[in-house]
Amino acid sequence: RLQAMAEKVAFSRDTCIDLSSKSLGANVLFATDEWFAVCENLLTQAPPTFDPDAFHEWGKVMDGWESRRRREPGHDWCVIKLPYTSKPMGLELDTAFFTGNYVPRISIQGANLEGVEGD
């Protein structure tokens, strides 16, 4: 689950909005791999859950973004379009229930593509 907090007044959870909210218009434009769980799960506002009995044809159902293990060099990545041009003030990535199956590090990059053709 991803939360991208932007400042409304002064930074705190009470004075910021969650720019990664699907209800505000955030959406996933691209993900390199969504084998086990779709990237759109990062935009879910509900707290993480775990159902030990939930399986689908590829394996365990997870409520975060989960790709296949890589056998070659590289990494998985996604592009998320936030609903508003803003200055993010904080970021929360919740890896609850991904015990032993989470990435050791992440990289976050941002770009203002307003007015770019194909936006």
Foldseek 3Di string as FASTA:
>chain_A
DKFFWFAQDDDDPVGTDGQLAVVLPKDWPDKPFQQAHDQNLNNDPDDFDADPPDADPRGGHGSHGDGDDDPDDDDIDTDMDGNDDGDTDDMDDDPPPCVVNDDPDDDDDDDDCPPPPPD
